[in-house]
Amino acid sequence: MKSVTATELKNQTGRQLEAALTSPVVVNKARRPVAVLISYEQFQRYQALEDRYWGELAKKASKEGFLSAKASSALLDEMLHAGD
C-alpha cells in the first residue's frame, strides 16, 4: 500500500488518483494517517458489503424479535447511566 504526505497529494493529485485506481493510497499529515484514497469501484464494493452486513443484522433482529417500547426505554436509561 502506497503512502504519501498531504503536501505530496496536493502537489501530485492526478498521479495519486491514478495510483488509487490499483491500490489504496494512505495520506499522512503530521506523520500520522488521516485519509485513504481508493478507487470508486472499491468504494462501491465496500458500500455493498456494508449494506449486506446491516441487512443480515436486520434479518437476525427480525427473527429474534424486537424489544417493547418499555424494554427499549429501560435499556437506554441503563446505558445512559452506566457510568454513574
PDB file of N, CA and C in Angstrom:
ATOM      1  N   MET A   1       0.848  -1.166   0.000  1.00  0.00           N
ATOM      2  CA  MET A   1       0.000   0.000   0.000  1.00  0.00           C
ATOM      3  C   MET A   1       0.897   1.233   0.000  1.00  0.00           C
ATOM      4  N   LYS A   2       0.565   2.164  -0.858  1.00  0.00           N
ATOM      5  CA  LYS A   2       1.347   3.390  -1.006  1.00  0.00           C
ATOM      6  C   LYS A   2       0.964   4.389   0.077  1.00  0.00           C
ATOM      7  N   SER A   3       1.919   5.211   0.475  1.00  0.00           N
ATOM      8  CA  SER A   3       1.693   6.234   1.478  1.00  0.00           C
ATOM      9  C   SER A   3       2.294   7.546   0.992  1.00  0.00           C
ATOM     10  N   VAL A   4       1.529   8.643   1.122  1.00  0.00           N
ATOM     11  CA  VAL A   4       2.023   9.957   0.716  1.00  0.00           C
ATOM     12  C   VAL A   4       1.682  10.980   1.790  1.00  0.00           C
ATOM     13  N   THR A   5       2.382  12.091   1.776  1.00  0.00           N
ATOM     14  CA  THR A   5       2.048  13.179   2.693  1.00  0.00           C
ATOM     15  C   THR A   5       0.915  14.013   2.075  1.00  0.00           C
ATOM     16  N   ALA A   6       0.258  14.800   2.909  1.00  0.00           N
ATOM     17  CA  ALA A   6      -0.802  15.672   2.420  1.00  0.00           C
ATOM     18  C   ALA A   6      -0.244  16.657   1.396  1.00  0.00           C
ATOM     19  N   THR A   7       0.975  17.122   1.604  1.00  0.00           N
ATOM     20  CA  THR A   7       1.618  18.038   0.657  1.00  0.00           C
ATOM     21  C   THR A   7       1.854  17.350  -0.680  1.00  0.00           C
ATOM     22  N   GLU A   8       2.340  16.102  -0.638  1.00  0.00           N
ATOM     23  CA  GLU A   8       2.538  15.356  -1.888  1.00  0.00           C
ATOM     24  C   GLU A   8       1.213  15.177  -2.617  1.00  0.00           C
ATOM     25  N   LEU A   9       0.164  14.893  -1.879  1.00  0.00           N
ATOM     26  CA  LEU A   9      -1.144  14.747  -2.504  1.00  0.00           C
ATOM     27  C   LEU A   9      -1.569  16.045  -3.181  1.00  0.00           C
ATOM     28  N   LYS A  10      -1.376  17.147  -2.491  1.00  0.00           N
ATOM     29  CA  LYS A  10      -1.733  18.464  -3.044  1.00  0.00           C
ATOM     30  C   LYS A  10      -0.961  18.745  -4.330  1.00  0.00           C
ATOM     31  N   ASN A  11       0.317  18.421  -4.320  1.00  0.00           N
ATOM     32  CA  ASN A  11       1.175  18.725  -5.472  1.00  0.00           C
ATOM     33  C   ASN A  11       1.088  17.692  -6.590  1.00  0.00           C
ATOM     34  N   GLN A  12       0.591  16.502  -6.279  1.00  0.00           N
ATOM     35  CA  GLN A  12       0.558  15.409  -7.270  1.00  0.00           C
ATOM     36  C   GLN A  12      -0.806  14.735  -7.293  1.00  0.00           C
ATOM     37  N   THR A  13      -1.857  15.511  -7.225  1.00  0.00           N
ATOM     38  CA  THR A  13      -3.204  14.939  -7.131  1.00  0.00           C
ATOM     39  C   THR A  13      -3.488  13.937  -8.245  1.00  0.00           C
ATOM     40  N   GLY A  14      -3.227  14.320  -9.477  1.00  0.00           N
ATOM     41  CA  GLY A  14      -3.504  13.424 -10.606  1.00  0.00           C
ATOM     42  C   GLY A  14      -2.763  12.108 -10.504  1.00  0.00           C
ATOM     43  N   ARG A  15      -1.497  12.174 -10.159  1.00  0.00           N
ATOM     44  CA  ARG A  15      -0.669  10.964 -10.036  1.00  0.00           C
ATOM     45  C   ARG A  15      -1.189  10.054  -8.924  1.00  0.00           C
ATOM     46  N   GLN A  16      -1.566  10.669  -7.794  1.00  0.00           N
ATOM     47  CA  GLN A  16      -2.046   9.863  -6.672  1.00  0.00           C
ATOM     48  C   GLN A  16      -3.435   9.269  -6.955  1.00  0.00           C
ATOM     49  N   LEU A  17      -4.272  10.004  -7.671  1.00  0.00           N
ATOM     50  CA  LEU A  17      -5.568   9.455  -8.068  1.00  0.00           C
ATOM     51  C   LEU A  17      -5.386   8.251  -8.988  1.00  0.00           C
ATOM     52  N   GLU A  18      -4.444   8.343  -9.901  1.00  0.00           N
ATOM     53  CA  GLU A  18      -4.146   7.207 -10.780  1.00  0.00           C
ATOM     54  C   GLU A  18      -3.656   6.005  -9.967  1.00  0.00           C
ATOM     55  N   ALA A  19      -2.795   6.256  -8.996  1.00  0.00           N
ATOM     56  CA  ALA A  19      -2.278   5.173  -8.155  1.00  0.00           C
ATOM     57  C   ALA A  19      -3.405   4.507  -7.380  1.00  0.00           C
ATOM     58  N   ALA A  20      -4.388   5.305  -6.942  1.00  0.00           N
ATOM     59  CA  ALA A  20      -5.502   4.776  -6.148  1.00  0.00           C
ATOM     60  C   ALA A  20      -6.403   3.856  -6.963  1.00  0.00           C
ATOM     61  N   LEU A  21      -6.298   3.899  -8.284  1.00  0.00           N
ATOM     62  CA  LEU A  21      -7.105   3.009  -9.116  1.00  0.00           C
ATOM     63  C   LEU A  21      -6.700   1.550  -8.947  1.00  0.00           C
ATOM     64  N   THR A  22      -5.462   1.314  -8.553  1.00  0.00           N
ATOM     65  CA  THR A  22      -4.982  -0.065  -8.431  1.00  0.00           C
ATOM     66  C   THR A  22      -4.704  -0.495  -6.998  1.00  0.00           C
ATOM     67  N   SER A  23      -4.499   0.481  -6.102  1.00  0.00           N
ATOM     68  CA  SER A  23      -4.192   0.146  -4.713  1.00  0.00           C
ATOM     69  C   SER A  23      -4.492   1.361  -3.833  1.00  0.00           C
ATOM     70  N   PRO A  24      -4.966   1.136  -2.624  1.00  0.00           N
ATOM     71  CA  PRO A  24      -5.245   2.277  -1.743  1.00  0.00           C
ATOM     72  C   PRO A  24      -3.992   3.119  -1.504  1.00  0.00           C
ATOM     73  N   VAL A  25      -4.204   4.428  -1.346  1.00  0.00           N
ATOM     74  CA  VAL A  25      -3.117   5.365  -1.062  1.00  0.00           C
ATOM     75  C   VAL A  25      -3.422   6.014   0.290  1.00  0.00           C
ATOM     76  N   VAL A  26      -2.555   5.799   1.256  1.00  0.00           N
ATOM     77  CA  VAL A  26      -2.715   6.380   2.587  1.00  0.00           C
ATOM     78  C   VAL A  26      -2.141   7.788   2.570  1.00  0.00           C
ATOM     79  N   VAL A  27      -2.924   8.737   3.077  1.00  0.00           N
ATOM     80  CA  VAL A  27      -2.478  10.128   3.138  1.00  0.00           C
ATOM     81  C   VAL A  27      -2.126  10.458   4.588  1.00  0.00           C
ATOM     82  N   ASN A  28      -0.900  10.910   4.792  1.00  0.00           N
ATOM     83  CA  ASN A  28      -0.408  11.251   6.126  1.00  0.00           C
ATOM     84  C   ASN A  28      -0.308  12.762   6.294  1.00  0.00           C
ATOM     85  N   LYS A  29      -0.659  13.233   7.474  1.00  0.00           N
ATOM     86  CA  LYS A  29      -0.486  14.641   7.819  1.00  0.00           C
ATOM     87  C   LYS A  29       0.131  14.657   9.208  1.00  0.00           C
ATOM     88  N   ALA A  30       1.185  15.436   9.368  1.00  0.00           N
ATOM     89  CA  ALA A  30       1.920  15.473  10.632  1.00  0.00           C
ATOM     90  C   ALA A  30       2.339  14.065  11.052  1.00  0.00           C
ATOM     91  N   ARG A  31       2.753  13.286  10.060  1.00  0.00           N
ATOM     92  CA  ARG A  31       3.291  11.926  10.273  1.00  0.00           C
ATOM     93  C   ARG A  31       2.288  10.912  10.811  1.00  0.00           C
ATOM     94  N   ARG A  32       1.013  11.184  10.629  1.00  0.00           N
ATOM     95  CA  ARG A  32       0.021  10.174  11.028  1.00  0.00           C
ATOM     96  C   ARG A  32      -1.020  10.035   9.929  1.00  0.00           C
ATOM     97  N   PRO A  33      -1.555   8.835   9.731  1.00  0.00           N
ATOM     98  CA  PRO A  33      -2.533   8.616   8.665  1.00  0.00           C
ATOM     99  C   PRO A  33      -3.846   9.341   8.972  1.00  0.00           C
ATOM    100  N   VAL A  34      -4.352  10.062   7.958  1.00  0.00           N
ATOM    101  CA  VAL A  34      -5.593  10.811   8.147  1.00  0.00           C
ATOM    102  C   VAL A  34      -6.664  10.456   7.112  1.00  0.00           C
ATOM    103  N   ALA A  35      -6.278   9.848   6.013  1.00  0.00           N
ATOM    104  CA  ALA A  35      -7.250   9.516   4.968  1.00  0.00           C
ATOM    105  C   ALA A  35      -6.683   8.417   4.078  1.00  0.00           C
ATOM    106  N   VAL A  36      -7.570   7.815   3.304  1.00  0.00           N
ATOM    107  CA  VAL A  36      -7.159   6.800   2.336  1.00  0.00           C
ATOM    108  C   VAL A  36      -7.888   7.083   1.027  1.00  0.00           C
ATOM    109  N   LEU A  37      -7.138   7.129  -0.060  1.00  0.00           N
ATOM    110  CA  LEU A  37      -7.736   7.254  -1.390  1.00  0.00           C
ATOM    111  C   LEU A  37      -7.947   5.856  -1.940  1.00  0.00           C
ATOM    112  N   ILE A  38      -9.151   5.593  -2.403  1.00  0.00           N
ATOM    113  CA  ILE A  38      -9.447   4.311  -3.047  1.00  0.00           C
ATOM    114  C   ILE A  38     -10.193   4.591  -4.337  1.00  0.00           C
ATOM    115  N   SER A  39     -10.210   3.624  -5.223  1.00  0.00           N
ATOM    116  CA  SER A  39     -10.946   3.791  -6.468  1.00  0.00           C
ATOM    117  C   SER A  39     -12.442   3.804  -6.175  1.00  0.00           C
ATOM    118  N   TYR A  40     -13.201   4.397  -7.089  1.00  0.00           N
ATOM    119  CA  TYR A  40     -14.650   4.427  -6.935  1.00  0.00           C
ATOM    120  C   TYR A  40     -15.212   3.009  -6.952  1.00  0.00           C
ATOM    121  N   GLU A  41     -14.620   2.153  -7.770  1.00  0.00           N
ATOM    122  CA  GLU A  41     -15.044   0.750  -7.840  1.00  0.00           C
ATOM    123  C   GLU A  41     -14.876   0.067  -6.481  1.00  0.00           C
ATOM    124  N   GLN A  42     -13.742   0.288  -5.827  1.00  0.00           N
ATOM    125  CA  GLN A  42     -13.501  -0.301  -4.500  1.00  0.00           C
ATOM    126  C   GLN A  42     -14.485   0.277  -3.492  1.00  0.00           C
ATOM    127  N   PHE A  43     -14.744   1.570  -3.562  1.00  0.00           N
ATOM    128  CA  PHE A  43     -15.717   2.203  -2.682  1.00  0.00           C
ATOM    129  C   PHE A  43     -17.089   1.553  -2.836  1.00  0.00           C
ATOM    130  N   GLN A  44     -17.506   1.298  -4.068  1.00  0.00           N
ATOM    131  CA  GLN A  44     -18.798   0.650  -4.305  1.00  0.00           C
ATOM    132  C   GLN A  44     -18.831  -0.758  -3.704  1.00  0.00           C
ATOM    133  N   ARG A  45     -17.720  -1.481  -3.796  1.00  0.00           N
ATOM    134  CA  ARG A  45     -17.663  -2.823  -3.181  1.00  0.00           C
ATOM    135  C   ARG A  45     -17.807  -2.727  -1.666  1.00  0.00           C
ATOM    136  N   TYR A  46     -17.121  -1.764  -1.056  1.00  0.00           N
ATOM    137  CA  TYR A  46     -17.241  -1.580   0.393  1.00  0.00           C
ATOM    138  C   TYR A  46     -18.669  -1.220   0.786  1.00  0.00           C
ATOM    139  N   GLN A  47     -19.302  -0.365  -0.003  1.00  0.00           N
ATOM    140  CA  GLN A  47     -20.687   0.022   0.274  1.00  0.00           C
ATOM    141  C   GLN A  47     -21.612  -1.194   0.196  1.00  0.00           C
ATOM    142  N   ALA A  48     -21.413  -2.018  -0.819  1.00  0.00           N
ATOM    143  CA  ALA A  48     -22.238  -3.216  -0.979  1.00  0.00           C
ATOM    144  C   ALA A  48     -22.036  -4.167   0.203  1.00  0.00           C
ATOM    145  N   LEU A  49     -20.790  -4.332   0.644  1.00  0.00           N
ATOM    146  CA  LEU A  49     -20.515  -5.188   1.800  1.00  0.00           C
ATOM    147  C   LEU A  49     -21.187  -4.649   3.052  1.00  0.00           C
ATOM    148  N   GLU A  50     -21.123  -3.346   3.242  1.00  0.00           N
ATOM    149  CA  GLU A  50     -21.745  -2.737   4.410  1.00  0.00           C
ATOM    150  C   GLU A  50     -23.265  -2.905   4.360  1.00  0.00           C
ATOM    151  N   ASP A  51     -23.845  -2.714   3.186  1.00  0.00           N
ATOM    152  CA  ASP A  51     -25.291  -2.906   3.036  1.00  0.00           C
ATOM    153  C   ASP A  51     -25.700  -4.344   3.375  1.00  0.00           C
ATOM    154  N   ARG A  52     -24.906  -5.305   2.892  1.00  0.00           N
ATOM    155  CA  ARG A  52     -25.204  -6.713   3.205  1.00  0.00           C
ATOM    156  C   ARG A  52     -25.094  -6.986   4.695  1.00  0.00           C
ATOM    157  N   TYR A  53     -24.055  -6.436   5.318  1.00  0.00           N
ATOM    158  CA  TYR A  53     -23.839  -6.628   6.753  1.00  0.00           C
ATOM    159  C   TYR A  53     -25.054  -6.137   7.549  1.00  0.00           C
ATOM    160  N   TRP A  54     -25.470  -4.886   7.285  1.00  0.00           N
ATOM    161  CA  TRP A  54     -26.605  -4.327   8.019  1.00  0.00           C
ATOM    162  C   TRP A  54     -27.896  -5.062   7.679  1.00  0.00           C
ATOM    163  N   GLY A  55     -28.027  -5.517   6.451  1.00  0.00           N
ATOM    164  CA  GLY A  55     -29.198  -6.314   6.072  1.00  0.00           C
ATOM    165  C   GLY A  55     -29.274  -7.608   6.861  1.00  0.00           C
ATOM    166  N   GLU A  56     -28.133  -8.274   7.014  1.00  0.00           N
ATOM    167  CA  GLU A  56     -28.098  -9.517   7.790  1.00  0.00           C
ATOM    168  C   GLU A  56     -28.428  -9.257   9.256  1.00  0.00           C
ATOM    169  N   LEU A  57     -27.917  -8.162   9.807  1.00  0.00           N
ATOM    170  CA  LEU A  57     -28.260  -7.830  11.194  1.00  0.00           C
ATOM    171  C   LEU A  57     -29.748  -7.552  11.350  1.00  0.00           C
ATOM    172  N   ALA A  58     -30.335  -6.893  10.366  1.00  0.00           N
ATOM    173  CA  ALA A  58     -31.775  -6.611  10.416  1.00  0.00           C
ATOM    174  C   ALA A  58     -32.571  -7.911  10.350  1.00  0.00           C
ATOM    175  N   LYS A  59     -32.166  -8.839   9.495  1.00  0.00           N
ATOM    176  CA  LYS A  59     -32.851 -10.142   9.407  1.00  0.00           C
ATOM    177  C   LYS A  59     -32.760 -10.883  10.741  1.00  0.00           C
ATOM    178  N   LYS A  60     -31.569 -10.870  11.337  1.00  0.00           N
ATOM    179  CA  LYS A  60     -31.369 -11.547  12.618  1.00  0.00           C
ATOM    180  C   LYS A  60     -32.256 -10.925  13.697  1.00  0.00           C
ATOM    181  N   ALA A  61     -32.305  -9.598  13.745  1.00  0.00           N
ATOM    182  CA  ALA A  61     -33.143  -8.909  14.733  1.00  0.00           C
ATOM    183  C   ALA A  61     -34.611  -9.238  14.515  1.00  0.00           C
ATOM    184  N   SER A  62     -35.002  -9.313  13.275  1.00  0.00           N
ATOM    185  CA  SER A  62     -36.397  -9.617  12.966  1.00  0.00           C
ATOM    186  C   SER A  62     -36.766 -11.023  13.430  1.00  0.00           C
ATOM    187  N   LYS A  63     -35.858 -11.967  13.244  1.00  0.00           N
ATOM    188  CA  LYS A  63     -36.103 -13.347  13.677  1.00  0.00           C
ATOM    189  C   LYS A  63     -36.149 -13.462  15.200  1.00  0.00           C
ATOM    190  N   GLU A  64     -35.268 -12.707  15.861  1.00  0.00           N
ATOM    191  CA  GLU A  64     -35.181 -12.794  17.317  1.00  0.00           C
ATOM    192  C   GLU A  64     -36.280 -11.999  18.010  1.00  0.00           C
ATOM    193  N   GLY A  65     -36.912 -11.114  17.296  1.00  0.00           N
ATOM    194  CA  GLY A  65     -37.957 -10.294  17.887  1.00  0.00           C
ATOM    195  C   GLY A  65     -37.399  -8.952  18.336  1.00  0.00           C
ATOM    196  N   PHE A  66     -38.309  -8.045  18.613  1.00  0.00           N
ATOM    197  CA  PHE A  66     -37.928  -6.691  18.979  1.00  0.00           C
ATOM    198  C   PHE A  66     -38.308  -6.418  20.425  1.00  0.00           C
ATOM    199  N   LEU A  67     -37.631  -5.452  21.024  1.00  0.00           N
ATOM    200  CA  LEU A  67     -37.964  -5.048  22.383  1.00  0.00           C
ATOM    201  C   LEU A  67     -39.236  -4.205  22.368  1.00  0.00           C
ATOM    202  N   SER A  68     -39.972  -4.293  23.435  1.00  0.00           N
ATOM    203  CA  SER A  68     -41.131  -3.417  23.572  1.00  0.00           C
ATOM    204  C   SER A  68     -40.643  -1.996  23.825  1.00  0.00           C
ATOM    205  N   ALA A  69     -41.524  -1.028  23.713  1.00  0.00           N
ATOM    206  CA  ALA A  69     -41.156   0.365  23.975  1.00  0.00           C
ATOM    207  C   ALA A  69     -40.656   0.516  25.410  1.00  0.00           C
ATOM    208  N   LYS A  70     -41.312  -0.169  26.336  1.00  0.00           N
ATOM    209  CA  LYS A  70     -40.922  -0.085  27.749  1.00  0.00           C
ATOM    210  C   LYS A  70     -39.524  -0.690  27.955  1.00  0.00           C
ATOM    211  N   ALA A  71     -39.273  -1.847  27.346  1.00  0.00           N
ATOM    212  CA  ALA A  71     -37.976  -2.501  27.484  1.00  0.00           C
ATOM    213  C   ALA A  71     -36.876  -1.670  26.806  1.00  0.00           C
ATOM    214  N   SER A  72     -37.194  -1.074  25.672  1.00  0.00           N
ATOM    215  CA  SER A  72     -36.223  -0.219  24.979  1.00  0.00           C
ATOM    216  C   SER A  72     -35.852   0.982  25.843  1.00  0.00           C
ATOM    217  N   SER A  73     -36.859   1.609  26.433  1.00  0.00           N
ATOM    218  CA  SER A  73     -36.627   2.772  27.289  1.00  0.00           C
ATOM    219  C   SER A  73     -35.767   2.394  28.492  1.00  0.00           C
ATOM    220  N   ALA A  74     -36.058   1.257  29.094  1.00  0.00           N
ATOM    221  CA  ALA A  74     -35.289   0.804  30.250  1.00  0.00           C
ATOM    222  C   ALA A  74     -33.832   0.532  29.869  1.00  0.00           C
ATOM    223  N   LEU A  75     -33.629  -0.086  28.715  1.00  0.00           N
ATOM    224  CA  LEU A  75     -32.266  -0.386  28.251  1.00  0.00           C
ATOM    225  C   LEU A  75     -31.498   0.909  27.974  1.00  0.00           C
ATOM    226  N   LEU A  76     -32.149   1.871  27.323  1.00  0.00           N
ATOM    227  CA  LEU A  76     -31.491   3.154  27.059  1.00  0.00           C
ATOM    228  C   LEU A  76     -31.140   3.874  28.350  1.00  0.00           C
ATOM    229  N   ASP A  77     -32.069   3.876  29.303  1.00  0.00           N
ATOM    230  CA  ASP A  77     -31.778   4.505  30.603  1.00  0.00           C
ATOM    231  C   ASP A  77     -30.586   3.837  31.279  1.00  0.00           C
ATOM    232  N   GLU A  78     -30.552   2.520  31.226  1.00  0.00           N
ATOM    233  CA  GLU A  78     -29.443   1.769  31.830  1.00  0.00           C
ATOM    234  C   GLU A  78     -28.123   2.144  31.166  1.00  0.00           C
ATOM    235  N   MET A  79     -28.127   2.234  29.853  1.00  0.00           N
ATOM    236  CA  MET A  79     -26.898   2.564  29.111  1.00  0.00           C
ATOM    237  C   MET A  79     -26.461   3.999  29.403  1.00  0.00           C
ATOM    238  N   LEU A  80     -27.407   4.912  29.497  1.00  0.00           N
ATOM    239  CA  LEU A  80     -27.072   6.315  29.761  1.00  0.00           C
ATOM    240  C   LEU A  80     -26.495   6.524  31.157  1.00  0.00           C
ATOM    241  N   HIS A  81     -26.917   5.707  32.095  1.00  0.00           N
ATOM    242  CA  HIS A  81     -26.494   5.875  33.475  1.00  0.00           C
ATOM    243  C   HIS A  81     -25.474   4.818  33.915  1.00  0.00           C
ATOM    244  N   ALA A  82     -24.890   4.123  32.963  1.00  0.00           N
ATOM    245  CA  ALA A  82     -23.946   3.048  33.297  1.00  0.00           C
ATOM    246  C   ALA A  82     -22.722   3.550  34.042  1.00  0.00           C
ATOM    247  N   GLY A  83     -22.300   4.784  33.777  1.00  0.00           N
ATOM    248  CA  GLY A  83     -21.096   5.306  34.412  1.00  0.00           C
ATOM    249  C   GLY A  83     -21.355   6.047  35.719  1.00  0.00           C
ATOM    250  N   ASP A  84     -22.609   6.114  36.136  1.00  0.00           N
ATOM    251  CA  ASP A  84     -22.933   6.854  37.373  1.00  0.00           C
ATOM    252  C   ASP A  84     -22.448   6.142  38.605  1.00  0.00           C
TER     253      ASP A  84
END
